[in-house]
Amino acid sequence: MIKDPYKIILRPVITEKSTWLKDANREVCFEVDKRANKVEIKQAVERLFKIKVERVRVQNKRGKVRRVGRTEGRRKDWKKAYVKLKEGEKMIEYFEAV
């Protein structure tokens, strides 16, 4: 079953580490649907950006506990995917100037 790639890839994760990985190792980082597996993530990136993917690594991130006054809440759990592009493919540009 082919799922909608826009529901699998939620947003890019832009941090110092992800920017460094993008420049050094040709890896980009995305927040993805918690239920998506590596194969679905690879297919979604290839369909959205029309590039070839070499490998996908995933991390399940636990939401942080936060306090507001007396009440304590929690951020949602989420999944992060590191996608390595094949050699010779153009880099994904999701931001121009930071």
PDB file of N, CA and C in Angstrom:
ATOM      1  N   MET A   1       0.841  -1.180   0.000  1.00  0.00           N
ATOM      2  CA  MET A   1       0.000   0.000   0.000  1.00  0.00           C
ATOM      3  C   MET A   1       0.886   1.242   0.000  1.00  0.00           C
ATOM      4  N   ILE A   2       0.701   2.116  -0.970  1.00  0.00           N
ATOM      5  CA  ILE A   2       1.489   3.340  -1.062  1.00  0.00           C
ATOM      6  C   ILE A   2       0.772   4.421  -0.264  1.00  0.00           C
ATOM      7  N   LYS A   3       1.482   4.963   0.706  1.00  0.00           N
ATOM      8  CA  LYS A   3       0.915   6.000   1.550  1.00  0.00           C
ATOM      9  C   LYS A   3       1.275   7.362   0.994  1.00  0.00           C
ATOM     10  N   ASP A   4       0.547   8.376   1.417  1.00  0.00           N
ATOM     11  CA  ASP A   4       0.812   9.747   0.985  1.00  0.00           C
ATOM     12  C   ASP A   4       2.133  10.213   1.583  1.00  0.00           C
ATOM     13  N   PRO A   5       3.111  10.615   0.766  1.00  0.00           N
ATOM     14  CA  PRO A   5       4.405  11.032   1.311  1.00  0.00           C
ATOM     15  C   PRO A   5       4.314  12.278   2.187  1.00  0.00           C
ATOM     16  N   TYR A   6       3.298  13.098   1.966  1.00  0.00           N
ATOM     17  CA  TYR A   6       3.132  14.300   2.790  1.00  0.00           C
ATOM     18  C   TYR A   6       2.671  13.968   4.205  1.00  0.00           C
ATOM     19  N   LYS A   7       2.122  12.768   4.411  1.00  0.00           N
ATOM     20  CA  LYS A   7       1.724  12.353   5.755  1.00  0.00           C
ATOM     21  C   LYS A   7       2.841  11.595   6.462  1.00  0.00           C
ATOM     22  N   ILE A   8       3.839  11.152   5.700  1.00  0.00           N
ATOM     23  CA  ILE A   8       4.980  10.445   6.294  1.00  0.00           C
ATOM     24  C   ILE A   8       6.061  11.441   6.696  1.00  0.00           C
ATOM     25  N   ILE A   9       6.455  12.331   5.782  1.00  0.00           N
ATOM     26  CA  ILE A   9       7.468  13.360   6.059  1.00  0.00           C
ATOM     27  C   ILE A   9       6.731  14.583   6.587  1.00  0.00           C
ATOM     28  N   LEU A  10       6.919  14.915   7.863  1.00  0.00           N
ATOM     29  CA  LEU A  10       6.161  16.000   8.474  1.00  0.00           C
ATOM     30  C   LEU A  10       6.856  17.351   8.340  1.00  0.00           C
ATOM     31  N   ARG A  11       8.164  17.411   8.642  1.00  0.00           N
ATOM     32  CA  ARG A  11       8.903  18.673   8.538  1.00  0.00           C
ATOM     33  C   ARG A  11      10.388  18.387   8.627  1.00  0.00           C
ATOM     34  N   PRO A  12      11.215  19.308   8.103  1.00  0.00           N
ATOM     35  CA  PRO A  12      12.659  19.137   8.300  1.00  0.00           C
ATOM     36  C   PRO A  12      13.051  19.545   9.712  1.00  0.00           C
ATOM     37  N   VAL A  13      14.072  18.898  10.241  1.00  0.00           N
ATOM     38  CA  VAL A  13      14.615  19.257  11.549  1.00  0.00           C
ATOM     39  C   VAL A  13      15.887  20.055  11.283  1.00  0.00           C
ATOM     40  N   ILE A  14      15.880  21.333  11.667  1.00  0.00           N
ATOM     41  CA  ILE A  14      17.013  22.206  11.391  1.00  0.00           C
ATOM     42  C   ILE A  14      17.691  22.546  12.715  1.00  0.00           C
ATOM     43  N   THR A  15      18.843  21.904  12.943  1.00  0.00           N
ATOM     44  CA  THR A  15      19.653  22.142  14.123  1.00  0.00           C
ATOM     45  C   THR A  15      21.098  22.282  13.678  1.00  0.00           C
ATOM     46  N   GLU A  16      21.989  22.570  14.627  1.00  0.00           N
ATOM     47  CA  GLU A  16      23.413  22.637  14.282  1.00  0.00           C
ATOM     48  C   GLU A  16      23.905  21.296  13.764  1.00  0.00           C
ATOM     49  N   LYS A  17      23.503  20.212  14.425  1.00  0.00           N
ATOM     50  CA  LYS A  17      23.951  18.884  14.019  1.00  0.00           C
ATOM     51  C   LYS A  17      23.426  18.526  12.632  1.00  0.00           C
ATOM     52  N   SER A  18      22.152  18.798  12.364  1.00  0.00           N
ATOM     53  CA  SER A  18      21.598  18.441  11.056  1.00  0.00           C
ATOM     54  C   SER A  18      22.216  19.279   9.944  1.00  0.00           C
ATOM     55  N   THR A  19      22.542  20.531  10.224  1.00  0.00           N
ATOM     56  CA  THR A  19      23.205  21.374   9.228  1.00  0.00           C
ATOM     57  C   THR A  19      24.617  20.864   8.955  1.00  0.00           C
ATOM     58  N   TRP A  20      25.322  20.449   9.990  1.00  0.00           N
ATOM     59  CA  TRP A  20      26.670  19.899   9.818  1.00  0.00           C
ATOM     60  C   TRP A  20      26.619  18.593   9.017  1.00  0.00           C
ATOM     61  N   LEU A  21      25.654  17.708   9.352  1.00  0.00           N
ATOM     62  CA  LEU A  21      25.517  16.441   8.629  1.00  0.00           C
ATOM     63  C   LEU A  21      25.171  16.675   7.159  1.00  0.00           C
ATOM     64  N   LYS A  22      24.379  17.691   6.900  1.00  0.00           N
ATOM     65  CA  LYS A  22      23.998  18.010   5.523  1.00  0.00           C
ATOM     66  C   LYS A  22      25.230  18.405   4.709  1.00  0.00           C
ATOM     67  N   ASP A  23      26.103  19.207   5.298  1.00  0.00           N
ATOM     68  CA  ASP A  23      27.294  19.665   4.588  1.00  0.00           C
ATOM     69  C   ASP A  23      28.363  18.576   4.497  1.00  0.00           C
ATOM     70  N   ALA A  24      28.572  17.829   5.561  1.00  0.00           N
ATOM     71  CA  ALA A  24      29.686  16.882   5.623  1.00  0.00           C
ATOM     72  C   ALA A  24      29.348  15.517   5.019  1.00  0.00           C
ATOM     73  N   ASN A  25      28.168  14.976   5.305  1.00  0.00           N
ATOM     74  CA  ASN A  25      27.855  13.586   4.955  1.00  0.00           C
ATOM     75  C   ASN A  25      26.715  13.408   3.974  1.00  0.00           C
ATOM     76  N   ARG A  26      26.170  14.520   3.449  1.00  0.00           N
ATOM     77  CA  ARG A  26      25.030  14.446   2.524  1.00  0.00           C
ATOM     78  C   ARG A  26      23.826  13.770   3.180  1.00  0.00           C
ATOM     79  N   GLU A  27      23.589  14.078   4.461  1.00  0.00           N
ATOM     80  CA  GLU A  27      22.437  13.541   5.186  1.00  0.00           C
ATOM     81  C   GLU A  27      21.495  14.680   5.543  1.00  0.00           C
ATOM     82  N   VAL A  28      20.213  14.436   5.405  1.00  0.00           N
ATOM     83  CA  VAL A  28      19.201  15.405   5.817  1.00  0.00           C
ATOM     84  C   VAL A  28      18.335  14.762   6.894  1.00  0.00           C
ATOM     85  N   CYS A  29      17.759  15.594   7.734  1.00  0.00           N
ATOM     86  CA  CYS A  29      17.028  15.112   8.902  1.00  0.00           C
ATOM     87  C   CYS A  29      15.577  15.583   8.821  1.00  0.00           C
ATOM     88  N   PHE A  30      14.643  14.670   9.057  1.00  0.00           N
ATOM     89  CA  PHE A  30      13.217  14.988   9.003  1.00  0.00           C
ATOM     90  C   PHE A  30      12.503  14.459  10.232  1.00  0.00           C
ATOM     91  N   GLU A  31      11.436  15.168  10.632  1.00  0.00           N
ATOM     92  CA  GLU A  31      10.489  14.587  11.579  1.00  0.00           C
ATOM     93  C   GLU A  31       9.498  13.799  10.744  1.00  0.00           C
ATOM     94  N   VAL A  32       9.280  12.539  11.132  1.00  0.00           N
ATOM     95  CA  VAL A  32       8.417  11.658  10.346  1.00  0.00           C
ATOM     96  C   VAL A  32       7.307  11.105  11.235  1.00  0.00           C
ATOM     97  N   ASP A  33       6.321  10.502  10.594  1.00  0.00           N
ATOM     98  CA  ASP A  33       5.219   9.865  11.308  1.00  0.00           C
ATOM     99  C   ASP A  33       5.764   8.741  12.184  1.00  0.00           C
ATOM    100  N   LYS A  34       5.253   8.626  13.404  1.00  0.00           N
ATOM    101  CA  LYS A  34       5.759   7.622  14.355  1.00  0.00           C
ATOM    102  C   LYS A  34       5.559   6.193  13.858  1.00  0.00           C
ATOM    103  N   ARG A  35       4.557   5.972  13.018  1.00  0.00           N
ATOM    104  CA  ARG A  35       4.261   4.614  12.561  1.00  0.00           C
ATOM    105  C   ARG A  35       5.006   4.239  11.285  1.00  0.00           C
ATOM    106  N   ALA A  36       5.727   5.181  10.680  1.00  0.00           N
ATOM    107  CA  ALA A  36       6.411   4.913   9.411  1.00  0.00           C
ATOM    108  C   ALA A  36       7.680   4.096   9.649  1.00  0.00           C
ATOM    109  N   ASN A  37       7.974   3.182   8.714  1.00  0.00           N
ATOM    110  CA  ASN A  37       9.203   2.412   8.807  1.00  0.00           C
ATOM    111  C   ASN A  37      10.229   2.952   7.804  1.00  0.00           C
ATOM    112  N   LYS A  38      11.412   2.353   7.772  1.00  0.00           N
ATOM    113  CA  LYS A  38      12.494   2.860   6.937  1.00  0.00           C
ATOM    114  C   LYS A  38      12.155   2.800   5.449  1.00  0.00           C
ATOM    115  N   VAL A  39      11.505   1.751   5.024  1.00  0.00           N
ATOM    116  CA  VAL A  39      11.165   1.594   3.611  1.00  0.00           C
ATOM    117  C   VAL A  39      10.179   2.678   3.182  1.00  0.00           C
ATOM    118  N   GLU A  40       9.165   2.931   4.003  1.00  0.00           N
ATOM    119  CA  GLU A  40       8.178   3.963   3.690  1.00  0.00           C
ATOM    120  C   GLU A  40       8.811   5.347   3.671  1.00  0.00           C
ATOM    121  N   ILE A  41       9.727   5.612   4.598  1.00  0.00           N
ATOM    122  CA  ILE A  41      10.406   6.904   4.635  1.00  0.00           C
ATOM    123  C   ILE A  41      11.255   7.093   3.381  1.00  0.00           C
ATOM    124  N   LYS A  42      11.975   6.052   2.979  1.00  0.00           N
ATOM    125  CA  LYS A  42      12.809   6.118   1.777  1.00  0.00           C
ATOM    126  C   LYS A  42      11.951   6.398   0.543  1.00  0.00           C
ATOM    127  N   GLN A  43      10.856   5.681   0.388  1.00  0.00           N
ATOM    128  CA  GLN A  43       9.982   5.888  -0.765  1.00  0.00           C
ATOM    129  C   GLN A  43       9.366   7.283  -0.761  1.00  0.00           C
ATOM    130  N   ALA A  44       8.995   7.786   0.419  1.00  0.00           N
ATOM    131  CA  ALA A  44       8.387   9.113   0.503  1.00  0.00           C
ATOM    132  C   ALA A  44       9.377  10.204   0.103  1.00  0.00           C
ATOM    133  N   VAL A  45      10.626  10.109   0.572  1.00  0.00           N
ATOM    134  CA  VAL A  45      11.630  11.109   0.223  1.00  0.00           C
ATOM    135  C   VAL A  45      11.936  11.055  -1.271  1.00  0.00           C
ATOM    136  N   GLU A  46      12.049   9.860  -1.827  1.00  0.00           N
ATOM    137  CA  GLU A  46      12.330   9.726  -3.258  1.00  0.00           C
ATOM    138  C   GLU A  46      11.195  10.285  -4.104  1.00  0.00           C
ATOM    139  N   ARG A  47       9.961  10.090  -3.672  1.00  0.00           N
ATOM    140  CA  ARG A  47       8.822  10.620  -4.439  1.00  0.00           C
ATOM    141  C   ARG A  47       8.669  12.124  -4.281  1.00  0.00           C
ATOM    142  N   LEU A  48       8.894  12.651  -3.072  1.00  0.00           N
ATOM    143  CA  LEU A  48       8.720  14.083  -2.847  1.00  0.00           C
ATOM    144  C   LEU A  48       9.796  14.917  -3.533  1.00  0.00           C
ATOM    145  N   PHE A  49      11.051  14.511  -3.393  1.00  0.00           N
ATOM    146  CA  PHE A  49      12.161  15.337  -3.868  1.00  0.00           C
ATOM    147  C   PHE A  49      12.784  14.832  -5.167  1.00  0.00           C
ATOM    148  N   LYS A  50      12.311  13.684  -5.675  1.00  0.00           N
ATOM    149  CA  LYS A  50      12.805  13.100  -6.925  1.00  0.00           C
ATOM    150  C   LYS A  50      14.322  12.920  -6.913  1.00  0.00           C
ATOM    151  N   ILE A  51      14.804  12.257  -5.859  1.00  0.00           N
ATOM    152  CA  ILE A  51      16.222  11.939  -5.698  1.00  0.00           C
ATOM    153  C   ILE A  51      16.334  10.490  -5.239  1.00  0.00           C
ATOM    154  N   LYS A  52      17.543   9.938  -5.276  1.00  0.00           N
ATOM    155  CA  LYS A  52      17.788   8.571  -4.829  1.00  0.00           C
ATOM    156  C   LYS A  52      18.375   8.595  -3.417  1.00  0.00           C
ATOM    157  N   VAL A  53      17.889   7.697  -2.570  1.00  0.00           N
ATOM    158  CA  VAL A  53      18.310   7.616  -1.172  1.00  0.00           C
ATOM    159  C   VAL A  53      19.207   6.397  -0.997  1.00  0.00           C
ATOM    160  N   GLU A  54      20.334   6.584  -0.297  1.00  0.00           N
ATOM    161  CA  GLU A  54      21.246   5.475  -0.026  1.00  0.00           C
ATOM    162  C   GLU A  54      20.804   4.677   1.186  1.00  0.00           C
ATOM    163  N   ARG A  55      20.521   5.374   2.307  1.00  0.00           N
ATOM    164  CA  ARG A  55      20.095   4.682   3.519  1.00  0.00           C
ATOM    165  C   ARG A  55      19.272   5.607   4.401  1.00  0.00           C
ATOM    166  N   VAL A  56      18.555   5.000   5.341  1.00  0.00           N
ATOM    167  CA  VAL A  56      17.719   5.736   6.295  1.00  0.00           C
ATOM    168  C   VAL A  56      18.013   5.202   7.686  1.00  0.00           C
ATOM    169  N   ARG A  57      18.262   6.115   8.628  1.00  0.00           N
ATOM    170  CA  ARG A  57      18.394   5.756  10.046  1.00  0.00           C
ATOM    171  C   ARG A  57      17.295   6.473  10.805  1.00  0.00           C
ATOM    172  N   VAL A  58      16.698   5.824  11.794  1.00  0.00           N
ATOM    173  CA  VAL A  58      15.603   6.441  12.543  1.00  0.00           C
ATOM    174  C   VAL A  58      15.908   6.460  14.037  1.00  0.00           C
ATOM    175  N   GLN A  59      15.309   7.429  14.698  1.00  0.00           N
ATOM    176  CA  GLN A  59      15.415   7.572  16.152  1.00  0.00           C
ATOM    177  C   GLN A  59      14.029   7.855  16.696  1.00  0.00           C
ATOM    178  N   ASN A  60      13.639   7.147  17.729  1.00  0.00           N
ATOM    179  CA  ASN A  60      12.402   7.460  18.434  1.00  0.00           C
ATOM    180  C   ASN A  60      12.750   8.399  19.572  1.00  0.00           C
ATOM    181  N   LYS A  61      12.131   9.580  19.583  1.00  0.00           N
ATOM    182  CA  LYS A  61      12.419  10.586  20.586  1.00  0.00           C
ATOM    183  C   LYS A  61      11.258  10.659  21.572  1.00  0.00           C
ATOM    184  N   ARG A  62      11.595  10.644  22.844  1.00  0.00           N
ATOM    185  CA  ARG A  62      10.590  10.735  23.893  1.00  0.00           C
ATOM    186  C   ARG A  62      10.317  12.207  24.203  1.00  0.00           C
ATOM    187  N   GLY A  63       9.055  12.559  24.380  1.00  0.00           N
ATOM    188  CA  GLY A  63       8.682  13.938  24.676  1.00  0.00           C
ATOM    189  C   GLY A  63       9.160  14.365  26.051  1.00  0.00           C
ATOM    190  N   LYS A  64       9.583  15.628  26.148  1.00  0.00           N
ATOM    191  CA  LYS A  64      10.108  16.145  27.409  1.00  0.00           C
ATOM    192  C   LYS A  64       8.976  16.507  28.368  1.00  0.00           C
ATOM    193  N   VAL A  65       9.244  16.371  29.656  1.00  0.00           N
ATOM    194  CA  VAL A  65       8.300  16.786  30.689  1.00  0.00           C
ATOM    195  C   VAL A  65       8.514  18.269  30.937  1.00  0.00           C
ATOM    196  N   ARG A  66       7.429  19.043  30.905  1.00  0.00           N
ATOM    197  CA  ARG A  66       7.497  20.493  31.102  1.00  0.00           C
ATOM    198  C   ARG A  66       6.524  20.908  32.192  1.00  0.00           C
ATOM    199  N   ARG A  67       6.894  21.978  32.904  1.00  0.00           N
ATOM    200  CA  ARG A  67       6.041  22.516  33.952  1.00  0.00           C
ATOM    201  C   ARG A  67       5.592  23.913  33.580  1.00  0.00           C
ATOM    202  N   VAL A  68       4.356  24.229  33.933  1.00  0.00           N
ATOM    203  CA  VAL A  68       3.834  25.588  33.844  1.00  0.00           C
ATOM    204  C   VAL A  68       3.170  25.849  35.184  1.00  0.00           C
ATOM    205  N   GLY A  69       3.886  26.549  36.059  1.00  0.00           N
ATOM    206  CA  GLY A  69       3.379  26.765  37.410  1.00  0.00           C
ATOM    207  C   GLY A  69       3.339  25.453  38.163  1.00  0.00           C
ATOM    208  N   ARG A  70       2.153  25.112  38.663  1.00  0.00           N
ATOM    209  CA  ARG A  70       2.006  23.873  39.418  1.00  0.00           C
ATOM    210  C   ARG A  70       1.745  22.667  38.538  1.00  0.00           C
ATOM    211  N   THR A  71       1.209  22.907  37.354  1.00  0.00           N
ATOM    212  CA  THR A  71       0.825  21.785  36.507  1.00  0.00           C
ATOM    213  C   THR A  71       2.017  21.279  35.698  1.00  0.00           C
ATOM    214  N   GLU A  72       2.028  19.991  35.514  1.00  0.00           N
ATOM    215  CA  GLU A  72       3.101  19.351  34.778  1.00  0.00           C
ATOM    216  C   GLU A  72       2.502  18.672  33.553  1.00  0.00           C
ATOM    217  N   GLY A  73       3.119  18.899  32.411  1.00  0.00           N
ATOM    218  CA  GLY A  73       2.639  18.282  31.184  1.00  0.00           C
ATOM    219  C   GLY A  73       3.791  17.645  30.438  1.00  0.00           C
ATOM    220  N   ARG A  74       3.495  17.150  29.260  1.00  0.00           N
ATOM    221  CA  ARG A  74       4.524  16.485  28.478  1.00  0.00           C
ATOM    222  C   ARG A  74       4.354  16.814  27.011  1.00  0.00           C
ATOM    223  N   ARG A  75       5.477  17.009  26.336  1.00  0.00           N
ATOM    224  CA  ARG A  75       5.439  17.165  24.890  1.00  0.00           C
ATOM    225  C   ARG A  75       5.218  15.801  24.259  1.00  0.00           C
ATOM    226  N   LYS A  76       4.815  15.808  22.998  1.00  0.00           N
ATOM    227  CA  LYS A  76       4.499  14.539  22.333  1.00  0.00           C
ATOM    228  C   LYS A  76       5.770  13.778  21.975  1.00  0.00           C
ATOM    229  N   ASP A  77       5.663  12.451  21.914  1.00  0.00           N
ATOM    230  CA  ASP A  77       6.747  11.612  21.408  1.00  0.00           C
ATOM    231  C   ASP A  77       6.787  11.767  19.894  1.00  0.00           C
ATOM    232  N   TRP A  78       7.991  11.651  19.305  1.00  0.00           N
ATOM    233  CA  TRP A  78       8.114  11.806  17.868  1.00  0.00           C
ATOM    234  C   TRP A  78       9.255  10.976  17.326  1.00  0.00           C
ATOM    235  N   LYS A  79       9.323  10.853  16.013  1.00  0.00           N
ATOM    236  CA  LYS A  79      10.345  10.050  15.361  1.00  0.00           C
ATOM    237  C   LYS A  79      11.148  10.939  14.421  1.00  0.00           C
ATOM    238  N   LYS A  80      12.472  10.753  14.456  1.00  0.00           N
ATOM    239  CA  LYS A  80      13.378  11.510  13.609  1.00  0.00           C
ATOM    240  C   LYS A  80      14.048  10.541  12.644  1.00  0.00           C
ATOM    241  N   ALA A  81      14.205  10.965  11.380  1.00  0.00           N
ATOM    242  CA  ALA A  81      14.844  10.122  10.366  1.00  0.00           C
ATOM    243  C   ALA A  81      16.015  10.866   9.753  1.00  0.00           C
ATOM    244  N   TYR A  82      17.177  10.206   9.712  1.00  0.00           N
ATOM    245  CA  TYR A  82      18.349  10.719   9.009  1.00  0.00           C
ATOM    246  C   TYR A  82      18.405  10.008   7.661  1.00  0.00           C
ATOM    247  N   VAL A  83      18.333  10.774   6.577  1.00  0.00           N
ATOM    248  CA  VAL A  83      18.291  10.216   5.235  1.00  0.00           C
ATOM    249  C   VAL A  83      19.581  10.582   4.516  1.00  0.00           C
ATOM    250  N   LYS A  84      20.350   9.567   4.103  1.00  0.00           N
ATOM    251  CA  LYS A  84      21.597   9.800   3.371  1.00  0.00           C
ATOM    252  C   LYS A  84      21.317   9.689   1.883  1.00  0.00           C
ATOM    253  N   LEU A  85      21.735  10.717   1.130  1.00  0.00           N
ATOM    254  CA  LEU A  85      21.510  10.743  -0.310  1.00  0.00           C
ATOM    255  C   LEU A  85      22.631  10.013  -1.029  1.00  0.00           C
ATOM    256  N   LYS A  86      22.309   9.435  -2.193  1.00  0.00           N
ATOM    257  CA  LYS A  86      23.320   8.752  -2.991  1.00  0.00           C
ATOM    258  C   LYS A  86      24.286   9.773  -3.576  1.00  0.00           C
ATOM    259  N   GLU A  87      25.489   9.325  -3.848  1.00  0.00           N
ATOM    260  CA  GLU A  87      26.522  10.177  -4.427  1.00  0.00           C
ATOM    261  C   GLU A  87      26.061  10.650  -5.809  1.00  0.00           C
ATOM    262  N   GLY A  88      26.237  11.931  -6.076  1.00  0.00           N
ATOM    263  CA  GLY A  88      25.857  12.498  -7.361  1.00  0.00           C
ATOM    264  C   GLY A  88      24.464  13.102  -7.389  1.00  0.00           C
ATOM    265  N   GLU A  89      23.651  12.857  -6.363  1.00  0.00           N
ATOM    266  CA  GLU A  89      22.315  13.444  -6.297  1.00  0.00           C
ATOM    267  C   GLU A  89      22.403  14.872  -5.790  1.00  0.00           C
ATOM    268  N   LYS A  90      21.484  15.725  -6.263  1.00  0.00           N
ATOM    269  CA  LYS A  90      21.499  17.109  -5.797  1.00  0.00           C
ATOM    270  C   LYS A  90      20.981  17.175  -4.363  1.00  0.00           C
ATOM    271  N   MET A  91      21.513  18.115  -3.594  1.00  0.00           N
ATOM    272  CA  MET A  91      21.148  18.264  -2.187  1.00  0.00           C
ATOM    273  C   MET A  91      19.768  18.898  -2.065  1.00  0.00           C
ATOM    274  N   ILE A  92      18.998  18.462  -1.088  1.00  0.00           N
ATOM    275  CA  ILE A  92      17.686  19.033  -0.804  1.00  0.00           C
ATOM    276  C   ILE A  92      17.898  20.393  -0.154  1.00  0.00           C
ATOM    277  N   GLU A  93      17.276  21.431  -0.718  1.00  0.00           N
ATOM    278  CA  GLU A  93      17.379  22.772  -0.153  1.00  0.00           C
ATOM    279  C   GLU A  93      16.027  23.154   0.461  1.00  0.00           C
ATOM    280  N   TYR A  94      15.917  23.028   1.776  1.00  0.00           N
ATOM    281  CA  TYR A  94      14.668  23.402   2.436  1.00  0.00           C
ATOM    282  C   TYR A  94      14.779  24.711   3.169  1.00  0.00           C
ATOM    283  N   PHE A  95      15.959  25.341   3.157  1.00  0.00           N
ATOM    284  CA  PHE A  95      16.092  26.702   3.647  1.00  0.00           C
ATOM    285  C   PHE A  95      17.230  27.340   2.892  1.00  0.00           C
ATOM    286  N   GLU A  96      17.119  28.650   2.659  1.00  0.00           N
ATOM    287  CA  GLU A  96      18.109  29.352   1.854  1.00  0.00           C
ATOM    288  C   GLU A  96      19.192  29.992   2.710  1.00  0.00           C
ATOM    289  N   ALA A  97      18.793  30.849   3.651  1.00  0.00           N
ATOM    290  CA  ALA A  97      19.786  31.556   4.461  1.00  0.00           C
ATOM    291  C   ALA A  97      19.368  31.506   5.924  1.00  0.00           C
ATOM    292  N   VAL A  98      20.293  31.167   6.762  1.00  0.00           N
ATOM    293  CA  VAL A  98      20.019  31.121   8.199  1.00  0.00           C
ATOM    294  C   VAL A  98      20.934  32.089   8.899  1.00  0.00           C
TER     295      VAL A  98
END
